[in-house]
């Protein structure tokens, strides 16, 4: 009779174990699916970030080229307007102002800006300023009581 109880307990334990394994397996399967989905989403996000970086790098190059081409076009218009209309007064030539600024920028030495940047910034003003500024007044004598 003890053997029968042992076999029944063994069978009941096996059934409970199989049931528990089946419940745990569903959660494990769901967890693996979620992990797979998370990895896929992370990969897509990284691809998107890389595409965005490439896009902005390309846009920066294009804008730089556009700015250079615009500057060349403006210089060309300024030179040809001066050549084709030599008698036109400077104030009537829309490109004359731009010519002087372009040549000033192009001829400016770059070492000046480097020298300025090596100087430490001044964080004080010459003399007193603002609310704390005091005017020098002669001291008044107290009025004498008579």
Protein backbone atom coordinates (compact mmCIF):
# COMPACT_ATOMS: atom_id res chain seq x y z
CA UNK A 1 0.00 0.00 0.00
CA UNK A 2 2.87 2.37 0.63
CA UNK A 3 3.97 1.79 -2.93
CA UNK A 4 0.59 2.87 -4.25
CA UNK A 5 0.73 6.11 -2.24
CA UNK A 6 4.25 6.76 -3.48
CA UNK A 7 3.20 6.22 -7.11
CA UNK A 8 0.13 8.46 -6.70
CA UNK A 9 2.23 11.23 -5.11
CA UNK A 10 4.79 10.85 -7.90
CA UNK A 11 2.10 11.13 -10.61
CA UNK A 12 0.48 14.13 -8.86
CA UNK A 13 3.90 15.83 -8.60
CA UNK A 14 4.58 15.16 -12.27
CA UNK A 15 1.21 16.67 -13.24
CA UNK A 16 1.80 19.75 -11.07
CA UNK A 17 5.33 20.06 -12.47
CA UNK A 18 4.11 19.79 -16.07
CA UNK A 19 1.40 22.39 -15.40
CA UNK A 20 3.91 24.77 -13.79
CA UNK A 21 6.37 24.28 -16.64
CA UNK A 22 3.67 25.04 -19.18
CA UNK A 23 2.71 28.29 -17.41
CA UNK A 24 6.35 29.33 -17.06
CA UNK A 25 7.01 28.51 -20.69
CA UNK A 26 4.33 30.97 -21.88
CA UNK A 27 5.93 33.79 -19.93
CA UNK A 28 9.39 32.80 -21.15
CA UNK A 29 8.20 32.72 -24.77
CA UNK A 30 6.56 36.14 -24.39
CA UNK A 31 9.71 37.51 -22.76
CA UNK A 32 11.87 36.24 -25.64
CA UNK A 33 9.51 37.82 -28.18
CA UNK A 34 9.64 41.15 -26.35
CA UNK A 35 13.44 40.98 -26.18
CA UNK A 36 13.59 40.28 -29.92
CA UNK A 37 11.29 43.21 -30.61
CA UNK A 38 13.37 45.47 -28.36
CA UNK A 39 16.59 44.51 -30.14
CA UNK A 40 14.96 45.14 -33.52
CA UNK A 41 13.72 48.56 -32.39
CA UNK A 42 17.15 49.51 -31.02
CA UNK A 43 18.75 48.52 -34.33
CA UNK A 44 16.19 50.60 -36.27
CA UNK A 45 16.79 53.58 -33.98
CA UNK A 46 20.55 53.35 -34.48
CA UNK A 47 20.06 53.16 -38.25
CA UNK A 48 17.79 56.21 -38.12
CA UNK A 49 20.35 58.16 -36.08
CA UNK A 50 23.10 57.29 -38.56
CA UNK A 51 20.90 58.35 -41.49
CA UNK A 52 20.17 61.62 -39.68
CA UNK A 53 23.87 62.28 -39.10
CA UNK A 54 24.61 61.55 -42.77
CA UNK A 55 21.74 63.82 -43.83
CA UNK A 56 23.00 66.77 -41.79
CA UNK A 57 26.58 66.26 -42.97
CA UNK A 58 25.42 66.26 -46.60
CA UNK A 59 23.17 69.29 -45.98
CA UNK A 60 26.09 71.15 -44.42
CA UNK A 61 28.26 70.44 -47.46
CA UNK A 62 25.52 71.57 -49.83
CA UNK A 63 24.92 74.79 -47.89
CA UNK A 64 28.64 75.49 -47.84
CA UNK A 65 28.81 75.02 -51.61
CA UNK A 66 25.74 77.21 -52.04
CA UNK A 67 27.31 79.99 -49.96
CA UNK A 68 30.55 79.81 -51.99
CA UNK A 69 28.64 79.86 -55.28
CA UNK A 70 26.53 82.78 -54.11
CA UNK A 71 29.64 84.69 -53.13
CA UNK A 72 31.24 83.98 -56.51
CA UNK A 73 28.08 85.07 -58.32
CA UNK A 74 27.91 88.30 -56.34
CA UNK A 75 31.57 89.06 -57.00
CA UNK A 76 31.01 88.39 -60.69
CA UNK A 77 27.99 90.72 -60.78
CA UNK A 78 29.91 93.40 -58.92
CA UNK A 79 32.90 93.25 -61.28
CA UNK A 80 30.81 93.15 -64.44
CA UNK A 81 28.56 95.99 -63.28
CA UNK A 82 31.63 98.13 -62.70
CA UNK A 83 33.05 97.15 -66.11
CA UNK A 84 29.82 97.52 -68.09
CA UNK A 85 28.68 100.73 -66.40
CA UNK A 86 31.86 102.66 -65.57
CA UNK A 87 30.11 106.05 -65.50
CA UNK A 88 27.46 104.95 -63.01
CA UNK A 89 27.82 106.75 -59.66
CA UNK A 90 28.75 104.50 -56.78
CA UNK A 91 25.56 105.17 -54.83
CA UNK A 92 23.46 104.00 -57.81
CA UNK A 93 25.40 100.77 -58.26
CA UNK A 94 23.77 98.15 -56.02
CA UNK A 95 26.92 96.06 -55.98
CA UNK A 96 29.44 98.77 -55.07
CA UNK A 97 28.82 98.50 -51.34
CA UNK A 98 29.23 94.76 -51.49
CA UNK A 99 32.48 95.03 -53.46
CA UNK A 100 34.12 97.11 -50.73
CA UNK A 101 33.03 94.73 -47.98
CA UNK A 102 34.12 91.66 -49.95
CA UNK A 103 37.55 93.08 -50.65
CA UNK A 104 37.93 94.25 -47.04
CA UNK A 105 37.07 90.80 -45.73
CA UNK A 106 39.27 89.05 -48.28
CA UNK A 107 42.26 91.31 -47.62
CA UNK A 108 41.96 91.36 -43.83
CA UNK A 109 44.82 89.50 -42.19
CA UNK A 110 43.77 86.53 -40.12
CA UNK A 111 46.52 87.08 -37.54
CA UNK A 112 44.60 90.02 -36.01
CA UNK A 113 41.78 87.76 -34.90
CA UNK A 114 44.27 85.31 -33.44
CA UNK A 115 46.00 88.08 -31.47
CA UNK A 116 42.69 89.25 -30.07
CA UNK A 117 41.79 85.78 -28.96
CA UNK A 118 45.06 85.37 -27.03
CA UNK A 119 44.35 88.42 -24.89
CA UNK A 120 42.49 87.63 -21.68
CA UNK A 121 39.06 89.23 -21.47
CA UNK A 122 38.66 92.37 -19.44
CA UNK A 123 36.11 91.77 -16.75
CA UNK A 124 36.22 95.21 -15.25
CA UNK A 125 35.39 98.74 -16.35
CA UNK A 126 37.63 101.76 -16.15
CA UNK A 127 36.64 103.47 -12.94
CA UNK A 128 33.33 103.17 -11.15
CA UNK A 129 30.17 102.73 -13.12
CA UNK A 130 26.50 102.08 -12.60
CA UNK A 131 24.71 102.51 -9.29
CA UNK A 132 27.86 102.51 -7.22
CA UNK A 133 29.36 105.45 -9.05
CA UNK A 134 29.85 108.35 -6.67
CA UNK A 135 30.37 111.92 -7.62
CA UNK A 136 33.04 113.87 -5.82
CA UNK A 137 31.39 116.70 -3.92
CA UNK A 138 32.98 118.95 -1.37
CA UNK A 139 31.83 118.25 2.15
CA UNK A 140 29.28 120.78 3.31
CA UNK A 141 29.62 122.40 6.63
CA UNK A 142 26.75 121.78 8.99
CA UNK A 143 24.44 124.75 9.37
CA UNK A 144 25.17 126.76 12.51
CA UNK A 145 22.29 127.37 14.81
CA UNK A 146 22.01 131.00 15.87
